[in-house]
Amino acid sequence: MSTRPPLPPFTEETAKQKVQAAEDAWNTRDPRKVSLAYTEDSLWRNRDTFVTGREEIVELLTAKWERELDYALRKELWAFDGDHIAVRFQYESHDPSGQWWRSYGNELWAFAADGLMARREASINDVRIEESERRILGPRPEAERGVTFAIR
């Protein structure tokens, strides 16, 4: 069996590493690459959509990044315990018409012993913004890793 460190049970340091790794992967906007962090039968709730397994994850993410253009994400550790991590996040993107959005959310993650995510539940709300209001301008620079981001 291959593993995806860091492995549960998480410490504060390893939970933060897991969150940053997820942020980095999602910022690639590569559905196949992102899907490899999840178990073959991973269960997701993403907004009002439910998917099971890597192939459905790839389909969901492919459609997501066809709608949410120039997507850029920030994640922050909220809490952790054993094999569970909770995060808050924000991302910005624009739709095909050019309207910019900031999306706020919370995720609950449960991990298998091998470090792959077995369950992800995401609640997300979208707020219209002007392009001039953007503050997430691509992947997080090294100097900003671990820095808390504003709520609005």
N, C-alpha and C. Protein backbone atom coordinates (compact mmCIF):
# COMPACT_ATOMS: atom_id res chain seq x y z
N MET A 1 0.85 -1.18 0.00
CA MET A 1 0.00 0.00 0.00
C MET A 1 0.89 1.24 0.00
N SER A 2 0.64 2.19 -0.91
CA SER A 2 1.38 3.44 -0.90
C SER A 2 0.70 4.41 0.04
N THR A 3 1.45 5.39 0.51
CA THR A 3 0.90 6.36 1.45
C THR A 3 1.06 7.77 0.89
N ARG A 4 0.29 8.69 1.48
CA ARG A 4 0.35 10.11 1.10
C ARG A 4 0.56 10.93 2.37
N PRO A 5 1.83 11.03 2.80
CA PRO A 5 2.12 11.79 4.02
C PRO A 5 1.74 13.26 3.88
N PRO A 6 1.54 13.93 5.01
CA PRO A 6 1.57 13.38 6.36
C PRO A 6 0.36 12.50 6.65
N LEU A 7 0.58 11.58 7.57
CA LEU A 7 -0.43 10.57 7.89
C LEU A 7 -1.10 10.89 9.22
N PRO A 8 -2.36 10.48 9.37
CA PRO A 8 -3.01 10.61 10.67
C PRO A 8 -2.41 9.62 11.66
N PRO A 9 -2.53 9.91 12.94
CA PRO A 9 -3.18 11.06 13.56
C PRO A 9 -2.34 12.33 13.36
N PHE A 10 -3.03 13.46 13.12
CA PHE A 10 -2.36 14.70 12.81
C PHE A 10 -1.97 15.47 14.05
N THR A 11 -0.83 16.15 13.96
CA THR A 11 -0.44 17.17 14.92
C THR A 11 -0.80 18.51 14.28
N GLU A 12 -0.65 19.59 15.01
CA GLU A 12 -0.92 20.90 14.40
C GLU A 12 -0.02 21.11 13.19
N GLU A 13 1.25 20.76 13.33
CA GLU A 13 2.19 20.95 12.22
C GLU A 13 1.81 20.10 11.00
N THR A 14 1.49 18.81 11.21
CA THR A 14 1.18 17.97 10.05
C THR A 14 -0.19 18.31 9.45
N ALA A 15 -1.13 18.77 10.28
CA ALA A 15 -2.42 19.22 9.75
C ALA A 15 -2.22 20.44 8.86
N LYS A 16 -1.38 21.38 9.28
CA LYS A 16 -1.09 22.56 8.46
C LYS A 16 -0.40 22.15 7.15
N GLN A 17 0.48 21.15 7.21
CA GLN A 17 1.14 20.66 5.99
C GLN A 17 0.10 20.08 5.03
N LYS A 18 -0.85 19.33 5.56
CA LYS A 18 -1.89 18.72 4.73
C LYS A 18 -2.74 19.81 4.06
N VAL A 19 -3.09 20.84 4.81
CA VAL A 19 -3.90 21.94 4.28
C VAL A 19 -3.14 22.67 3.17
N GLN A 20 -1.87 22.96 3.40
CA GLN A 20 -1.08 23.67 2.38
C GLN A 20 -0.91 22.80 1.13
N ALA A 21 -0.71 21.52 1.32
CA ALA A 21 -0.59 20.61 0.16
C ALA A 21 -1.88 20.61 -0.65
N ALA A 22 -3.02 20.63 0.03
CA ALA A 22 -4.31 20.67 -0.69
C ALA A 22 -4.45 21.99 -1.44
N GLU A 23 -4.12 23.09 -0.80
CA GLU A 23 -4.19 24.39 -1.47
C GLU A 23 -3.31 24.39 -2.72
N ASP A 24 -2.08 23.92 -2.56
CA ASP A 24 -1.14 23.89 -3.71
C ASP A 24 -1.70 23.04 -4.85
N ALA A 25 -2.24 21.88 -4.52
CA ALA A 25 -2.77 20.99 -5.57
C ALA A 25 -3.96 21.63 -6.28
N TRP A 26 -4.91 22.18 -5.52
CA TRP A 26 -6.09 22.78 -6.13
C TRP A 26 -5.72 23.98 -7.00
N ASN A 27 -4.68 24.71 -6.62
CA ASN A 27 -4.27 25.86 -7.43
C ASN A 27 -3.64 25.46 -8.76
N THR A 28 -3.31 24.18 -8.94
CA THR A 28 -2.85 23.74 -10.27
C THR A 28 -4.01 23.69 -11.26
N ARG A 29 -5.24 23.56 -10.75
CA ARG A 29 -6.45 23.40 -11.57
C ARG A 29 -6.32 22.19 -12.49
N ASP A 30 -5.65 21.15 -11.99
CA ASP A 30 -5.47 19.90 -12.73
C ASP A 30 -6.31 18.82 -12.04
N PRO A 31 -7.51 18.52 -12.57
CA PRO A 31 -8.41 17.58 -11.90
C PRO A 31 -7.79 16.22 -11.62
N ARG A 32 -7.03 15.68 -12.54
CA ARG A 32 -6.40 14.36 -12.32
C ARG A 32 -5.42 14.42 -11.16
N LYS A 33 -4.57 15.44 -11.15
CA LYS A 33 -3.59 15.59 -10.07
C LYS A 33 -4.30 15.73 -8.72
N VAL A 34 -5.32 16.57 -8.66
CA VAL A 34 -6.05 16.78 -7.42
C VAL A 34 -6.69 15.47 -6.95
N SER A 35 -7.25 14.70 -7.87
CA SER A 35 -7.97 13.48 -7.49
C SER A 35 -7.08 12.45 -6.81
N LEU A 36 -5.79 12.51 -7.04
CA LEU A 36 -4.87 11.52 -6.47
C LEU A 36 -4.70 11.66 -4.96
N ALA A 37 -5.19 12.75 -4.38
CA ALA A 37 -5.12 12.93 -2.93
C ALA A 37 -6.28 12.25 -2.21
N TYR A 38 -7.21 11.66 -2.98
CA TYR A 38 -8.42 11.07 -2.43
C TYR A 38 -8.42 9.56 -2.64
N THR A 39 -9.09 8.84 -1.75
CA THR A 39 -9.21 7.39 -1.91
C THR A 39 -9.99 7.08 -3.18
N GLU A 40 -9.82 5.88 -3.68
CA GLU A 40 -10.53 5.46 -4.90
C GLU A 40 -12.04 5.59 -4.75
N ASP A 41 -12.55 5.43 -3.51
CA ASP A 41 -13.99 5.49 -3.27
C ASP A 41 -14.39 6.68 -2.40
N SER A 42 -13.59 7.75 -2.45
CA SER A 42 -13.83 8.94 -1.64
C SER A 42 -15.25 9.48 -1.84
N LEU A 43 -15.87 9.90 -0.75
CA LEU A 43 -17.22 10.48 -0.78
C LEU A 43 -17.11 11.99 -0.64
N TRP A 44 -17.81 12.71 -1.50
CA TRP A 44 -17.80 14.17 -1.48
C TRP A 44 -19.21 14.72 -1.43
N ARG A 45 -19.35 15.83 -0.71
CA ARG A 45 -20.46 16.74 -0.89
C ARG A 45 -19.81 18.07 -1.20
N ASN A 46 -20.06 18.58 -2.37
CA ASN A 46 -19.53 19.87 -2.80
C ASN A 46 -20.73 20.75 -3.13
N ARG A 47 -21.02 21.70 -2.27
CA ARG A 47 -22.25 22.50 -2.38
C ARG A 47 -23.44 21.55 -2.34
N ASP A 48 -24.19 21.46 -3.44
CA ASP A 48 -25.36 20.58 -3.49
C ASP A 48 -25.13 19.35 -4.36
N THR A 49 -23.86 19.07 -4.64
CA THR A 49 -23.51 17.94 -5.50
C THR A 49 -22.82 16.86 -4.68
N PHE A 50 -23.19 15.61 -4.93
CA PHE A 50 -22.61 14.47 -4.23
C PHE A 50 -21.90 13.61 -5.26
N VAL A 51 -20.64 13.26 -5.00
CA VAL A 51 -19.88 12.40 -5.90
C VAL A 51 -19.18 11.31 -5.09
N THR A 52 -18.87 10.23 -5.78
CA THR A 52 -18.15 9.11 -5.17
C THR A 52 -17.04 8.67 -6.10
N GLY A 53 -15.83 8.63 -5.59
CA GLY A 53 -14.70 8.09 -6.33
C GLY A 53 -13.97 9.10 -7.20
N ARG A 54 -12.75 8.72 -7.54
CA ARG A 54 -11.87 9.62 -8.28
C ARG A 54 -12.41 10.05 -9.64
N GLU A 55 -13.02 9.15 -10.38
CA GLU A 55 -13.51 9.53 -11.71
C GLU A 55 -14.58 10.61 -11.61
N GLU A 56 -15.49 10.48 -10.64
CA GLU A 56 -16.51 11.51 -10.47
C GLU A 56 -15.90 12.81 -9.95
N ILE A 57 -14.86 12.71 -9.12
CA ILE A 57 -14.14 13.90 -8.66
C ILE A 57 -13.54 14.63 -9.87
N VAL A 58 -12.90 13.88 -10.76
CA VAL A 58 -12.30 14.49 -11.96
C VAL A 58 -13.38 15.18 -12.79
N GLU A 59 -14.53 14.54 -12.97
CA GLU A 59 -15.62 15.14 -13.74
C GLU A 59 -16.11 16.43 -13.09
N LEU A 60 -16.31 16.41 -11.77
CA LEU A 60 -16.78 17.59 -11.05
C LEU A 60 -15.77 18.73 -11.19
N LEU A 61 -14.48 18.44 -10.96
CA LEU A 61 -13.46 19.48 -11.01
C LEU A 61 -13.25 20.02 -12.43
N THR A 62 -13.35 19.15 -13.42
CA THR A 62 -13.23 19.59 -14.81
C THR A 62 -14.32 20.62 -15.13
N ALA A 63 -15.56 20.29 -14.76
CA ALA A 63 -16.67 21.21 -15.00
C ALA A 63 -16.52 22.50 -14.18
N LYS A 64 -16.06 22.35 -12.95
CA LYS A 64 -15.85 23.51 -12.07
C LYS A 64 -14.90 24.50 -12.71
N TRP A 65 -13.74 24.02 -13.16
CA TRP A 65 -12.73 24.94 -13.68
C TRP A 65 -13.00 25.38 -15.12
N GLU A 66 -14.03 24.82 -15.74
CA GLU A 66 -14.50 25.38 -17.02
C GLU A 66 -15.42 26.56 -16.76
N ARG A 67 -16.08 26.59 -15.59
CA ARG A 67 -16.97 27.70 -15.18
C ARG A 67 -16.22 28.77 -14.40
N GLU A 68 -15.32 28.33 -13.53
CA GLU A 68 -14.62 29.23 -12.61
C GLU A 68 -13.22 29.49 -13.16
N LEU A 69 -13.12 30.51 -13.99
CA LEU A 69 -11.89 30.80 -14.71
C LEU A 69 -10.92 31.60 -13.84
N ASP A 70 -9.63 31.40 -14.08
CA ASP A 70 -8.56 32.08 -13.32
C ASP A 70 -8.73 31.87 -11.82
N TYR A 71 -9.19 30.70 -11.45
CA TYR A 71 -9.40 30.28 -10.07
C TYR A 71 -8.11 30.38 -9.27
N ALA A 72 -8.18 30.99 -8.10
CA ALA A 72 -7.05 31.05 -7.16
C ALA A 72 -7.60 30.91 -5.75
N LEU A 73 -6.96 30.07 -4.94
CA LEU A 73 -7.50 29.59 -3.67
C LEU A 73 -6.55 29.84 -2.51
N ARG A 74 -7.14 30.08 -1.34
CA ARG A 74 -6.42 30.10 -0.06
C ARG A 74 -7.19 29.21 0.91
N LYS A 75 -6.46 28.33 1.62
CA LYS A 75 -7.05 27.47 2.65
C LYS A 75 -6.35 27.76 3.97
N GLU A 76 -7.08 27.57 5.06
CA GLU A 76 -6.51 27.78 6.39
C GLU A 76 -7.03 26.71 7.33
N LEU A 77 -6.13 26.14 8.12
CA LEU A 77 -6.52 25.16 9.13
C LEU A 77 -7.46 25.81 10.14
N TRP A 78 -8.56 25.13 10.41
CA TRP A 78 -9.52 25.63 11.41
C TRP A 78 -9.43 24.76 12.67
N ALA A 79 -9.41 23.43 12.49
CA ALA A 79 -9.34 22.51 13.62
C ALA A 79 -8.88 21.14 13.11
N PHE A 80 -8.41 20.30 14.03
CA PHE A 80 -8.00 18.94 13.66
C PHE A 80 -8.14 18.04 14.88
N ASP A 81 -8.33 16.76 14.62
CA ASP A 81 -8.40 15.77 15.69
C ASP A 81 -8.21 14.40 15.06
N GLY A 82 -7.16 13.71 15.42
CA GLY A 82 -6.93 12.36 14.93
C GLY A 82 -6.81 12.33 13.42
N ASP A 83 -7.84 11.78 12.76
CA ASP A 83 -7.81 11.66 11.30
C ASP A 83 -8.76 12.63 10.62
N HIS A 84 -9.15 13.69 11.34
CA HIS A 84 -10.07 14.70 10.80
C HIS A 84 -9.41 16.07 10.78
N ILE A 85 -9.72 16.85 9.73
CA ILE A 85 -9.25 18.23 9.62
C ILE A 85 -10.43 19.07 9.14
N ALA A 86 -10.57 20.27 9.71
CA ALA A 86 -11.55 21.25 9.24
C ALA A 86 -10.78 22.47 8.74
N VAL A 87 -11.20 23.00 7.60
CA VAL A 87 -10.56 24.18 7.03
C VAL A 87 -11.60 25.23 6.67
N ARG A 88 -11.15 26.46 6.61
CA ARG A 88 -11.93 27.53 5.99
C ARG A 88 -11.15 27.93 4.76
N PHE A 89 -11.85 28.43 3.76
CA PHE A 89 -11.16 28.80 2.54
C PHE A 89 -11.87 29.94 1.84
N GLN A 90 -11.13 30.58 0.95
CA GLN A 90 -11.66 31.57 0.04
C GLN A 90 -11.00 31.34 -1.30
N TYR A 91 -11.77 31.54 -2.35
CA TYR A 91 -11.15 31.56 -3.67
C TYR A 91 -11.84 32.60 -4.51
N GLU A 92 -11.12 33.04 -5.53
CA GLU A 92 -11.66 33.99 -6.48
C GLU A 92 -11.57 33.41 -7.87
N SER A 93 -12.56 33.76 -8.69
CA SER A 93 -12.59 33.32 -10.07
C SER A 93 -13.56 34.21 -10.82
N HIS A 94 -13.54 34.11 -12.12
CA HIS A 94 -14.56 34.81 -12.89
C HIS A 94 -15.28 33.81 -13.77
N ASP A 95 -16.52 34.15 -14.09
CA ASP A 95 -17.31 33.30 -14.96
C ASP A 95 -17.01 33.67 -16.42
N PRO A 96 -17.52 32.90 -17.36
CA PRO A 96 -17.22 33.18 -18.78
C PRO A 96 -17.66 34.57 -19.24
N SER A 97 -18.62 35.21 -18.54
CA SER A 97 -19.05 36.56 -18.92
C SER A 97 -18.09 37.64 -18.40
N GLY A 98 -17.15 37.24 -17.53
CA GLY A 98 -16.19 38.19 -16.97
C GLY A 98 -16.52 38.66 -15.56
N GLN A 99 -17.66 38.22 -15.00
CA GLN A 99 -18.02 38.60 -13.63
C GLN A 99 -17.11 37.89 -12.64
N TRP A 100 -16.48 38.66 -11.74
CA TRP A 100 -15.62 38.10 -10.70
C TRP A 100 -16.44 37.73 -9.48
N TRP A 101 -15.98 36.67 -8.80
CA TRP A 101 -16.62 36.15 -7.60
C TRP A 101 -15.57 35.85 -6.55
N ARG A 102 -15.92 36.06 -5.29
CA ARG A 102 -15.14 35.52 -4.17
C ARG A 102 -16.04 34.50 -3.51
N SER A 103 -15.52 33.30 -3.35
CA SER A 103 -16.28 32.20 -2.76
C SER A 103 -15.68 31.88 -1.39
N TYR A 104 -16.55 31.84 -0.38
CA TYR A 104 -16.16 31.56 1.00
C TYR A 104 -16.66 30.16 1.35
N GLY A 105 -15.85 29.40 2.06
CA GLY A 105 -16.32 28.08 2.41
C GLY A 105 -15.64 27.45 3.59
N ASN A 106 -16.22 26.33 3.99
CA ASN A 106 -15.69 25.48 5.05
C ASN A 106 -15.70 24.06 4.52
N GLU A 107 -14.68 23.31 4.89
CA GLU A 107 -14.59 21.90 4.50
C GLU A 107 -14.33 21.05 5.73
N LEU A 108 -14.91 19.88 5.72
CA LEU A 108 -14.64 18.86 6.72
C LEU A 108 -14.00 17.69 6.00
N TRP A 109 -12.85 17.26 6.47
CA TRP A 109 -12.10 16.19 5.83
C TRP A 109 -11.92 15.02 6.79
N ALA A 110 -12.03 13.80 6.28
CA ALA A 110 -11.72 12.58 7.03
C ALA A 110 -10.73 11.78 6.20
N PHE A 111 -9.68 11.29 6.83
CA PHE A 111 -8.59 10.61 6.14
C PHE A 111 -8.52 9.13 6.48
N ALA A 112 -8.09 8.36 5.50
CA ALA A 112 -7.76 6.95 5.70
C ALA A 112 -6.36 6.88 6.33
N ALA A 113 -6.00 5.72 6.84
CA ALA A 113 -4.70 5.54 7.49
C ALA A 113 -3.53 5.83 6.54
N ASP A 114 -3.74 5.67 5.22
CA ASP A 114 -2.67 5.90 4.25
C ASP A 114 -2.48 7.37 3.89
N GLY A 115 -3.25 8.27 4.52
CA GLY A 115 -3.12 9.70 4.28
C GLY A 115 -3.97 10.23 3.14
N LEU A 116 -4.71 9.36 2.45
CA LEU A 116 -5.62 9.81 1.40
C LEU A 116 -6.94 10.25 2.04
N MET A 117 -7.59 11.24 1.45
CA MET A 117 -8.84 11.74 2.00
C MET A 117 -9.98 10.82 1.57
N ALA A 118 -10.70 10.32 2.55
CA ALA A 118 -11.80 9.39 2.28
C ALA A 118 -13.15 10.11 2.20
N ARG A 119 -13.22 11.30 2.78
CA ARG A 119 -14.49 12.04 2.78
C ARG A 119 -14.19 13.54 2.81
N ARG A 120 -14.96 14.28 2.00
CA ARG A 120 -14.84 15.74 1.94
C ARG A 120 -16.24 16.32 1.85
N GLU A 121 -16.56 17.22 2.78
CA GLU A 121 -17.83 17.93 2.74
C GLU A 121 -17.53 19.41 2.68
N ALA A 122 -18.04 20.09 1.65
CA ALA A 122 -17.75 21.51 1.44
C ALA A 122 -19.04 22.31 1.35
N SER A 123 -19.11 23.36 2.16
CA SER A 123 -20.19 24.34 2.10
C SER A 123 -19.59 25.63 1.58
N ILE A 124 -20.21 26.22 0.54
CA ILE A 124 -19.60 27.35 -0.16
C ILE A 124 -20.66 28.40 -0.47
N ASN A 125 -20.30 29.66 -0.25
CA ASN A 125 -21.14 30.80 -0.60
C ASN A 125 -20.36 31.73 -1.51
N ASP A 126 -21.04 32.29 -2.50
CA ASP A 126 -20.40 33.15 -3.49
C ASP A 126 -20.84 34.60 -3.33
N VAL A 127 -19.88 35.52 -3.48
CA VAL A 127 -20.15 36.95 -3.40
C VAL A 127 -19.60 37.60 -4.66
N ARG A 128 -20.43 38.39 -5.33
CA ARG A 128 -19.97 39.15 -6.50
C ARG A 128 -18.95 40.17 -6.06
N ILE A 129 -17.86 40.29 -6.80
CA ILE A 129 -16.88 41.34 -6.54
C ILE A 129 -16.50 41.99 -7.88
N GLU A 130 -15.97 43.18 -7.78
CA GLU A 130 -15.40 43.85 -8.95
C GLU A 130 -13.97 43.35 -9.11
N GLU A 131 -13.47 43.37 -10.30
CA GLU A 131 -12.09 42.94 -10.52
C GLU A 131 -11.13 43.73 -9.64
N SER A 132 -11.42 45.00 -9.41
CA SER A 132 -10.57 45.86 -8.59
C SER A 132 -10.54 45.43 -7.12
N GLU A 133 -11.52 44.61 -6.69
CA GLU A 133 -11.58 44.13 -5.30
C GLU A 133 -10.81 42.84 -5.08
N ARG A 134 -10.27 42.27 -6.13
CA ARG A 134 -9.55 41.00 -6.00
C ARG A 134 -8.37 41.14 -5.05
N ARG A 135 -8.13 40.06 -4.31
CA ARG A 135 -6.95 40.02 -3.44
C ARG A 135 -6.23 38.68 -3.48
N ILE A 136 -6.79 37.72 -4.19
CA ILE A 136 -6.15 36.42 -4.35
C ILE A 136 -5.71 36.34 -5.80
N LEU A 137 -4.45 36.60 -6.02
CA LEU A 137 -3.94 36.78 -7.38
C LEU A 137 -3.01 35.64 -7.77
N GLY A 138 -3.54 34.42 -7.74
CA GLY A 138 -2.73 33.26 -8.09
C GLY A 138 -2.32 32.49 -6.86
N PRO A 139 -1.52 31.43 -7.06
CA PRO A 139 -1.07 30.63 -5.93
C PRO A 139 -0.38 31.48 -4.87
N ARG A 140 -0.46 31.03 -3.63
CA ARG A 140 0.11 31.77 -2.49
C ARG A 140 1.63 31.84 -2.60
N PRO A 141 2.17 33.04 -2.53
CA PRO A 141 3.64 33.16 -2.53
C PRO A 141 4.22 32.53 -1.26
N GLU A 142 5.42 32.06 -1.34
CA GLU A 142 6.09 31.41 -0.20
C GLU A 142 6.02 32.29 1.06
N ALA A 143 6.22 33.58 0.90
CA ALA A 143 6.24 34.50 2.05
C ALA A 143 4.89 34.60 2.76
N GLU A 144 3.80 34.20 2.09
CA GLU A 144 2.47 34.29 2.68
C GLU A 144 1.97 32.97 3.24
N ARG A 145 2.76 31.91 3.15
CA ARG A 145 2.33 30.60 3.66
C ARG A 145 2.16 30.71 5.18
N GLY A 146 1.02 30.21 5.65
CA GLY A 146 0.73 30.24 7.07
C GLY A 146 0.14 31.54 7.55
N VAL A 147 0.00 32.53 6.69
CA VAL A 147 -0.57 33.82 7.07
C VAL A 147 -2.10 33.73 7.01
N THR A 148 -2.76 34.17 8.06
CA THR A 148 -4.21 34.18 8.10
C THR A 148 -4.73 35.22 7.12
N PHE A 149 -5.80 34.90 6.41
CA PHE A 149 -6.37 35.83 5.45
C PHE A 149 -7.63 36.47 6.04
N ALA A 150 -7.94 37.65 5.55
CA ALA A 150 -9.07 38.43 6.05
C ALA A 150 -10.39 37.73 5.76
N ILE A 151 -11.37 37.97 6.60
CA ILE A 151 -12.68 37.38 6.37
C ILE A 151 -13.42 38.07 5.23
N ARG A 152 -13.15 39.37 5.03
CA ARG A 152 -13.75 40.07 3.89
C ARG A 152 -12.88 41.20 3.44
